[in-house]
Structure formats: structure tokens, C-alpha cells
Amino acid sequence: MEKVINIHIKKLPEGVYLATSDDVQGLVAQGRTVIETLEIARDVAKKLLEAQGKPPLKTHKIKRSFDYPLVVSV
């Protein structure tokens, strides 16, 4: 079952990106790009949720349509 988890991404002074989440306790991921950071965050979230044995209350079911911020470098 797929769920939506809100992720907060911050660009650090070192030039890397850091992802955290209030929805999944302990989720911290770091990558060189936003895409890499999101991929790592997805893997970390999955492992944390599996270890907990059940999804946290703050996850949301995926709707048929939703908005997604697309980052484009120009």
C-alpha cells in the first residue's frame, strides 16, 4: 500500500541536500542532488516504517490526483 509522507528538504552550506520528516520519526537523508536525496529518503522511510510494524498516523492515502512541486534548473 502506498502512502504520502511529507518531506522537508534543505540545501546545506556544503552544497548537499538534507531531507527530514515530521511524519516519520528518525527520517534523515542526505544527497548531492534533490533527486538523490528523495530516493534515499524513500528507502529510509520504508525501512523505518517496516521496523515500526505499522504506518504512523500522519501518513495519507494517495489521491487520484495531487500537486507535486517540480524543481527545474534553468
N, C-alpha and C. Protein backbone atom coordinates (compact mmCIF):
# COMPACT_ATOMS: atom_id res chain seq x y z
N MET A 1 0.85 -1.17 0.00
CA MET A 1 0.00 0.00 0.00
C MET A 1 0.90 1.24 0.00
N GLU A 2 0.59 2.19 -0.86
CA GLU A 2 1.37 3.42 -0.93
C GLU A 2 0.74 4.48 -0.05
N LYS A 3 1.59 5.25 0.61
CA LYS A 3 1.16 6.35 1.47
C LYS A 3 1.96 7.59 1.11
N VAL A 4 1.42 8.74 1.43
CA VAL A 4 2.12 10.01 1.23
C VAL A 4 2.76 10.43 2.54
N ILE A 5 4.03 10.74 2.49
CA ILE A 5 4.77 11.24 3.65
C ILE A 5 5.35 12.59 3.27
N ASN A 6 5.12 13.59 4.09
CA ASN A 6 5.67 14.91 3.81
C ASN A 6 7.15 14.95 4.17
N ILE A 7 7.95 15.44 3.24
CA ILE A 7 9.41 15.54 3.41
C ILE A 7 9.80 17.00 3.33
N HIS A 8 10.71 17.40 4.20
CA HIS A 8 11.26 18.76 4.18
C HIS A 8 12.70 18.65 3.67
N ILE A 9 13.03 19.40 2.60
CA ILE A 9 14.38 19.37 2.04
C ILE A 9 15.02 20.73 2.20
N LYS A 10 16.26 20.70 2.67
CA LYS A 10 17.01 21.93 2.90
C LYS A 10 18.38 21.81 2.24
N LYS A 11 18.79 22.86 1.53
CA LYS A 11 20.13 22.86 0.95
C LYS A 11 21.10 23.38 2.00
N LEU A 12 22.10 22.58 2.31
CA LEU A 12 23.08 22.94 3.32
C LEU A 12 24.21 23.78 2.71
N PRO A 13 24.91 24.58 3.54
CA PRO A 13 26.00 25.42 3.04
C PRO A 13 27.08 24.61 2.30
N GLU A 14 27.22 23.34 2.63
CA GLU A 14 28.23 22.49 1.99
C GLU A 14 27.83 22.11 0.56
N GLY A 15 26.60 22.46 0.16
CA GLY A 15 26.13 22.18 -1.19
C GLY A 15 25.34 20.89 -1.32
N VAL A 16 25.15 20.16 -0.24
CA VAL A 16 24.35 18.93 -0.27
C VAL A 16 22.95 19.23 0.25
N TYR A 17 22.03 18.30 0.03
CA TYR A 17 20.65 18.46 0.45
C TYR A 17 20.35 17.51 1.61
N LEU A 18 19.55 18.00 2.56
CA LEU A 18 19.18 17.23 3.73
C LEU A 18 17.66 17.10 3.77
N ALA A 19 17.18 15.86 3.90
CA ALA A 19 15.74 15.60 3.99
C ALA A 19 15.40 15.10 5.37
N THR A 20 14.33 15.65 5.95
CA THR A 20 13.79 15.20 7.22
C THR A 20 12.27 15.13 7.08
N SER A 21 11.63 14.54 8.07
CA SER A 21 10.18 14.44 8.03
C SER A 21 9.60 14.45 9.43
N ASP A 22 8.54 15.22 9.60
CA ASP A 22 7.79 15.19 10.86
C ASP A 22 6.85 13.99 10.89
N ASP A 23 6.59 13.40 9.72
CA ASP A 23 5.67 12.27 9.63
C ASP A 23 6.30 10.95 10.05
N VAL A 24 7.61 10.80 9.82
CA VAL A 24 8.31 9.56 10.15
C VAL A 24 9.47 9.90 11.08
N GLN A 25 9.30 9.55 12.35
CA GLN A 25 10.32 9.85 13.34
C GLN A 25 11.64 9.17 12.99
N GLY A 26 12.73 9.95 13.00
CA GLY A 26 14.06 9.41 12.73
C GLY A 26 14.49 9.49 11.28
N LEU A 27 13.61 9.97 10.39
CA LEU A 27 13.98 10.04 8.98
C LEU A 27 14.94 11.19 8.74
N VAL A 28 16.14 10.85 8.31
CA VAL A 28 17.15 11.82 7.92
C VAL A 28 17.87 11.23 6.72
N ALA A 29 17.96 12.01 5.63
CA ALA A 29 18.65 11.54 4.43
C ALA A 29 19.43 12.70 3.82
N GLN A 30 20.56 12.40 3.24
CA GLN A 30 21.41 13.43 2.65
C GLN A 30 21.88 12.97 1.28
N GLY A 31 21.87 13.89 0.30
CA GLY A 31 22.32 13.55 -1.04
C GLY A 31 22.93 14.74 -1.74
N ARG A 32 23.56 14.47 -2.89
CA ARG A 32 24.20 15.54 -3.66
C ARG A 32 23.21 16.32 -4.50
N THR A 33 22.07 15.70 -4.84
CA THR A 33 21.02 16.36 -5.61
C THR A 33 19.68 16.15 -4.90
N VAL A 34 18.68 16.91 -5.30
CA VAL A 34 17.35 16.74 -4.73
C VAL A 34 16.83 15.34 -5.05
N ILE A 35 17.01 14.90 -6.29
CA ILE A 35 16.54 13.57 -6.69
C ILE A 35 17.20 12.48 -5.87
N GLU A 36 18.51 12.55 -5.73
CA GLU A 36 19.23 11.54 -4.95
C GLU A 36 18.76 11.56 -3.50
N THR A 37 18.55 12.73 -2.95
CA THR A 37 18.09 12.87 -1.57
C THR A 37 16.70 12.26 -1.39
N LEU A 38 15.81 12.49 -2.34
CA LEU A 38 14.47 11.91 -2.27
C LEU A 38 14.50 10.39 -2.38
N GLU A 39 15.37 9.86 -3.24
CA GLU A 39 15.48 8.41 -3.37
C GLU A 39 15.98 7.78 -2.06
N ILE A 40 16.97 8.41 -1.46
CA ILE A 40 17.49 7.91 -0.18
C ILE A 40 16.43 8.03 0.90
N ALA A 41 15.72 9.16 0.94
CA ALA A 41 14.66 9.37 1.93
C ALA A 41 13.57 8.32 1.80
N ARG A 42 13.22 7.95 0.56
CA ARG A 42 12.19 6.92 0.34
C ARG A 42 12.64 5.59 0.93
N ASP A 43 13.90 5.23 0.69
CA ASP A 43 14.42 3.97 1.22
C ASP A 43 14.46 3.98 2.75
N VAL A 44 14.91 5.09 3.32
CA VAL A 44 14.99 5.21 4.78
C VAL A 44 13.59 5.15 5.39
N ALA A 45 12.63 5.87 4.79
CA ALA A 45 11.26 5.87 5.29
C ALA A 45 10.67 4.46 5.27
N LYS A 46 10.89 3.74 4.18
CA LYS A 46 10.37 2.38 4.07
C LYS A 46 10.93 1.49 5.17
N LYS A 47 12.23 1.57 5.41
CA LYS A 47 12.86 0.76 6.44
C LYS A 47 12.37 1.14 7.83
N LEU A 48 12.21 2.43 8.08
CA LEU A 48 11.72 2.87 9.39
C LEU A 48 10.28 2.41 9.63
N LEU A 49 9.44 2.53 8.60
CA LEU A 49 8.04 2.12 8.73
C LEU A 49 7.93 0.61 8.93
N GLU A 50 8.76 -0.16 8.21
CA GLU A 50 8.76 -1.61 8.39
C GLU A 50 9.21 -1.98 9.80
N ALA A 51 10.19 -1.27 10.33
CA ALA A 51 10.69 -1.55 11.68
C ALA A 51 9.63 -1.22 12.73
N GLN A 52 8.80 -0.22 12.47
CA GLN A 52 7.75 0.16 13.42
C GLN A 52 6.60 -0.85 13.39
N GLY A 53 6.46 -1.55 12.28
CA GLY A 53 5.40 -2.55 12.18
C GLY A 53 4.07 -2.01 11.73
N LYS A 54 3.91 -0.70 11.71
CA LYS A 54 2.68 -0.09 11.23
C LYS A 54 2.97 1.34 10.81
N PRO A 55 2.21 1.87 9.85
CA PRO A 55 2.44 3.25 9.42
C PRO A 55 2.07 4.25 10.51
N PRO A 56 2.78 5.37 10.60
CA PRO A 56 2.41 6.40 11.58
C PRO A 56 1.08 7.04 11.20
N LEU A 57 0.46 7.70 12.14
CA LEU A 57 -0.86 8.29 11.91
C LEU A 57 -0.83 9.43 10.90
N LYS A 58 0.31 10.07 10.69
CA LYS A 58 0.35 11.24 9.84
C LYS A 58 0.46 10.93 8.35
N THR A 59 0.55 9.67 7.96
CA THR A 59 0.61 9.36 6.54
C THR A 59 -0.78 9.53 5.93
N HIS A 60 -0.81 9.73 4.63
CA HIS A 60 -2.06 9.97 3.93
C HIS A 60 -2.13 9.04 2.74
N LYS A 61 -3.33 8.57 2.41
CA LYS A 61 -3.51 7.76 1.22
C LYS A 61 -3.28 8.65 -0.01
N ILE A 62 -2.76 8.05 -1.06
CA ILE A 62 -2.54 8.79 -2.29
C ILE A 62 -3.88 8.99 -2.98
N LYS A 63 -4.16 10.22 -3.35
CA LYS A 63 -5.40 10.54 -4.05
C LYS A 63 -5.21 10.27 -5.54
N ARG A 64 -6.30 10.29 -6.26
CA ARG A 64 -6.23 10.07 -7.70
C ARG A 64 -5.43 11.17 -8.40
N SER A 65 -5.47 12.36 -7.86
CA SER A 65 -4.66 13.46 -8.41
C SER A 65 -4.12 14.27 -7.25
N PHE A 66 -2.95 14.84 -7.44
CA PHE A 66 -2.34 15.65 -6.40
C PHE A 66 -1.31 16.58 -7.03
N ASP A 67 -0.97 17.63 -6.32
CA ASP A 67 0.06 18.57 -6.78
C ASP A 67 1.42 18.09 -6.33
N TYR A 68 2.41 18.32 -7.18
CA TYR A 68 3.78 17.92 -6.86
C TYR A 68 4.70 19.03 -7.35
N PRO A 69 5.51 19.60 -6.46
CA PRO A 69 6.42 20.66 -6.90
C PRO A 69 7.56 20.06 -7.74
N LEU A 70 7.68 20.53 -8.96
CA LEU A 70 8.73 20.07 -9.86
C LEU A 70 9.84 21.11 -9.88
N VAL A 71 11.04 20.72 -9.46
CA VAL A 71 12.18 21.63 -9.42
C VAL A 71 12.89 21.55 -10.75
N VAL A 72 13.03 22.69 -11.43
CA VAL A 72 13.69 22.75 -12.73
C VAL A 72 14.81 23.76 -12.65
N SER A 73 16.00 23.36 -13.02
CA SER A 73 17.15 24.25 -13.01
C SER A 73 17.25 24.92 -14.37
N VAL A 74 17.26 26.26 -14.38
CA VAL A 74 17.36 27.00 -15.66
C VAL A 74 18.53 27.96 -15.63
